[in-house]
C-alpha atoms as a PDB file:
ATOM      1  CA  MET A   1     116.652 122.103 107.356  1.00  0.00           C
ATOM      2  CA  GLU A   2     115.466 118.558 106.962  1.00  0.00           C
ATOM      3  CA  MET A   3     113.199 117.809 103.912  1.00  0.00           C
ATOM      4  CA  HIS A   4     110.798 114.828 103.692  1.00  0.00           C
ATOM      5  CA  LYS A   5     109.672 113.079 100.569  1.00  0.00           C
ATOM      6  CA  ALA A   6     105.968 113.486  99.529  1.00  0.00           C
ATOM      7  CA  LYS A   7     103.765 113.201  96.569  1.00  0.00           C
ATOM      8  CA  ARG A   8     101.942 116.229  95.066  1.00  0.00           C
ATOM      9  CA  VAL A   9      98.616 115.293  93.390  1.00  0.00           C
ATOM     10  CA  GLU A  10      96.715 117.788  91.322  1.00  0.00           C
ATOM     11  CA  ILE A  11      93.185 116.941  90.103  1.00  0.00           C
ATOM     12  CA  ILE A  12      91.563 119.322  87.709  1.00  0.00           C
ATOM     13  CA  ILE A  13      87.804 118.646  87.526  1.00  0.00           C
ATOM     14  CA  GLU A  14      84.596 120.360  86.778  1.00  0.00           C
ATOM     15  CA  ALA A  15      83.522 122.572  89.633  1.00  0.00           C
ATOM     16  CA  MET A  16      80.151 120.919  90.020  1.00  0.00           C
ATOM     17  CA  MET A  17      82.056 117.707  90.961  1.00  0.00           C
ATOM     18  CA  GLU A  18      84.195 119.315  93.690  1.00  0.00           C
ATOM     19  CA  ARG A  19      82.040 118.200  96.563  1.00  0.00           C
ATOM     20  CA  GLN A  20      81.930 114.586  95.334  1.00  0.00           C
ATOM     21  CA  LEU A  21      85.681 114.512  94.828  1.00  0.00           C
ATOM     22  CA  THR A  22      86.551 116.019  98.178  1.00  0.00           C
ATOM     23  CA  LYS A  23      84.120 113.561  99.927  1.00  0.00           C
ATOM     24  CA  ALA A  24      85.877 110.673  98.177  1.00  0.00           C
ATOM     25  CA  LEU A  25      89.238 111.997  99.250  1.00  0.00           C
ATOM     26  CA  ASN A  26      88.037 112.307 102.892  1.00  0.00           C
ATOM     27  CA  ASP A  27      86.573 108.837 102.723  1.00  0.00           C
ATOM     28  CA  ALA A  28      90.060 107.577 101.473  1.00  0.00           C
ATOM     29  CA  GLY A  29      91.772 109.079 104.479  1.00  0.00           C
ATOM     30  CA  VAL A  30      93.198 112.212 102.844  1.00  0.00           C
ATOM     31  CA  THR A  31      93.555 114.660 105.664  1.00  0.00           C
ATOM     32  CA  GLY A  32      94.141 117.815 103.710  1.00  0.00           C
ATOM     33  CA  TYR A  33      93.862 119.447 100.288  1.00  0.00           C
ATOM     34  CA  THR A  34      93.534 122.790  98.731  1.00  0.00           C
ATOM     35  CA  VAL A  35      90.755 123.824  96.159  1.00  0.00           C
ATOM     36  CA  LEU A  36      91.633 126.539  93.684  1.00  0.00           C
ATOM     37  CA  PRO A  37      89.561 128.029  90.957  1.00  0.00           C
ATOM     38  CA  VAL A  38      90.721 127.460  87.377  1.00  0.00           C
ATOM     39  CA  SER A  39      90.234 130.557  85.240  1.00  0.00           C
ATOM     40  CA  GLY A  40      90.757 128.900  81.845  1.00  0.00           C
ATOM     41  CA  GLY A  41      92.878 126.624  79.719  1.00  0.00           C
ATOM     42  CA  SER A  42      93.077 124.564  76.602  1.00  0.00           C
ATOM     43  CA  GLY A  43      92.842 120.803  76.094  1.00  0.00           C
ATOM     44  CA  ARG A  44      91.347 118.142  73.728  1.00  0.00           C
ATOM     45  CA  SER A  45      88.143 120.219  73.322  1.00  0.00           C
ATOM     46  CA  GLY A  46      89.909 123.438  72.575  1.00  0.00           C
ATOM     47  CA  GLN A  47      90.357 126.739  74.553  1.00  0.00           C
ATOM     48  CA  TRP A  48      87.981 127.749  77.275  1.00  0.00           C
ATOM     49  CA  SER A  49      87.772 130.359  80.008  1.00  0.00           C
ATOM     50  CA  ARG A  50      85.579 130.932  82.964  1.00  0.00           C
ATOM     51  CA  GLU A  51      84.285 134.233  81.652  1.00  0.00           C
ATOM     52  CA  GLY A  52      83.342 132.831  78.262  1.00  0.00           C
ATOM     53  CA  GLN A  53      81.538 129.811  79.657  1.00  0.00           C
ATOM     54  CA  VAL A  54      77.989 129.090  78.579  1.00  0.00           C
ATOM     55  CA  GLY A  55      76.252 126.346  80.691  1.00  0.00           C
ATOM     56  CA  ARG A  56      78.199 124.136  83.162  1.00  0.00           C
ATOM     57  CA  ALA A  57      78.231 127.087  85.680  1.00  0.00           C
ATOM     58  CA  GLY A  58      81.385 127.246  87.746  1.00  0.00           C
ATOM     59  CA  GLY A  59      83.901 125.982  85.211  1.00  0.00           C
ATOM     60  CA  MET A  60      86.852 123.929  86.595  1.00  0.00           C
ATOM     61  CA  VAL A  61      88.661 123.711  89.970  1.00  0.00           C
ATOM     62  CA  ALA A  62      92.150 122.308  90.845  1.00  0.00           C
ATOM     63  CA  VAL A  63      92.348 120.142  93.988  1.00  0.00           C
ATOM     64  CA  VAL A  64      95.968 119.834  95.254  1.00  0.00           C
ATOM     65  CA  CYS A  65      97.019 117.249  97.818  1.00  0.00           C
ATOM     66  CA  LEU A  66     100.476 116.688  99.430  1.00  0.00           C
ATOM     67  CA  VAL A  67     100.632 113.104 100.874  1.00  0.00           C
ATOM     68  CA  ARG A  68     103.210 110.611 102.164  1.00  0.00           C
ATOM     69  CA  PRO A  69     104.144 108.241  99.326  1.00  0.00           C
ATOM     70  CA  GLU A  70     102.596 105.221 101.064  1.00  0.00           C
ATOM     71  CA  ARG A  71      99.244 107.014 101.078  1.00  0.00           C
ATOM     72  CA  LEU A  72      99.260 107.701  97.332  1.00  0.00           C
ATOM     73  CA  ASP A  73      97.400 104.689  96.074  1.00  0.00           C
ATOM     74  CA  PRO A  74      94.229 105.109  98.140  1.00  0.00           C
ATOM     75  CA  LEU A  75      94.093 108.739  97.048  1.00  0.00           C
ATOM     76  CA  LEU A  76      94.517 107.936  93.348  1.00  0.00           C
ATOM     77  CA  ASP A  77      91.816 105.208  93.602  1.00  0.00           C
ATOM     78  CA  ALA A  78      89.397 107.604  95.141  1.00  0.00           C
ATOM     79  CA  ALA A  79      90.176 110.412  92.652  1.00  0.00           C
ATOM     80  CA  PHE A  80      89.835 108.108  89.631  1.00  0.00           C
ATOM     81  CA  ALA A  81      86.570 106.780  90.834  1.00  0.00           C
ATOM     82  CA  VAL A  82      85.196 110.305  90.445  1.00  0.00           C
ATOM     83  CA  VAL A  83      87.249 111.606  87.501  1.00  0.00           C
ATOM     84  CA  GLU A  84      86.754 108.683  85.134  1.00  0.00           C
ATOM     85  CA  ARG A  85      83.158 109.572  84.556  1.00  0.00           C
ATOM     86  CA  HIS A  86      83.743 113.365  84.052  1.00  0.00           C
ATOM     87  CA  ILE A  87      86.067 115.839  82.431  1.00  0.00           C
ATOM     88  CA  GLY A  88      89.188 115.845  84.474  1.00  0.00           C
ATOM     89  CA  VAL A  89      92.947 115.366  84.764  1.00  0.00           C
ATOM     90  CA  VAL A  90      95.053 113.782  87.570  1.00  0.00           C
ATOM     91  CA  SER A  91      98.753 114.489  87.835  1.00  0.00           C
ATOM     92  CA  VAL A  92     101.312 113.243  90.357  1.00  0.00           C
ATOM     93  CA  CYS A  93     104.831 114.352  91.035  1.00  0.00           C
ATOM     94  CA  ASP A  94     107.535 113.909  93.569  1.00  0.00           C
ATOM     95  CA  THR A  95     108.113 116.697  96.018  1.00  0.00           C
ATOM     96  CA  GLN A  96     109.608 117.529  99.355  1.00  0.00           C
ATOM     97  CA  VAL A  97     108.026 119.146 102.445  1.00  0.00           C
ATOM     98  CA  LEU A  98     108.996 120.605 105.720  1.00  0.00           C
ATOM     99  CA  ARG A  99     107.064 119.601 108.817  1.00  0.00           C
ATOM    100  CA  ALA A 100     106.253 116.018 107.726  1.00  0.00           C
ATOM    101  CA  GLU A 101     104.036 115.601 110.706  1.00  0.00           C
ATOM    102  CA  ARG A 102     101.404 117.565 108.909  1.00  0.00           C
ATOM    103  CA  PHE A 103     100.974 114.993 106.138  1.00  0.00           C
END
């Protein structure tokens, strides 16, 4: 089976910023992504969980994108424009996909 090179981008951001982030991705030409709830974690500010959250209703979400390598820079520019002013993490890794016509 033929595999095709792609980039997997995961953006973890406050749930209240989801709409702004996905709009920025759409405006940058990203044709698909998946939004997942994040139930908890630990970082610079210590441990947190969705259940124990006071304020900031909604916690965090993870937005996952698979794109062709040549489409990575516009995606990162759009994501960073949103993430730089809020709590968030952006990671990128190399991956392979089947059905490259979908990306």
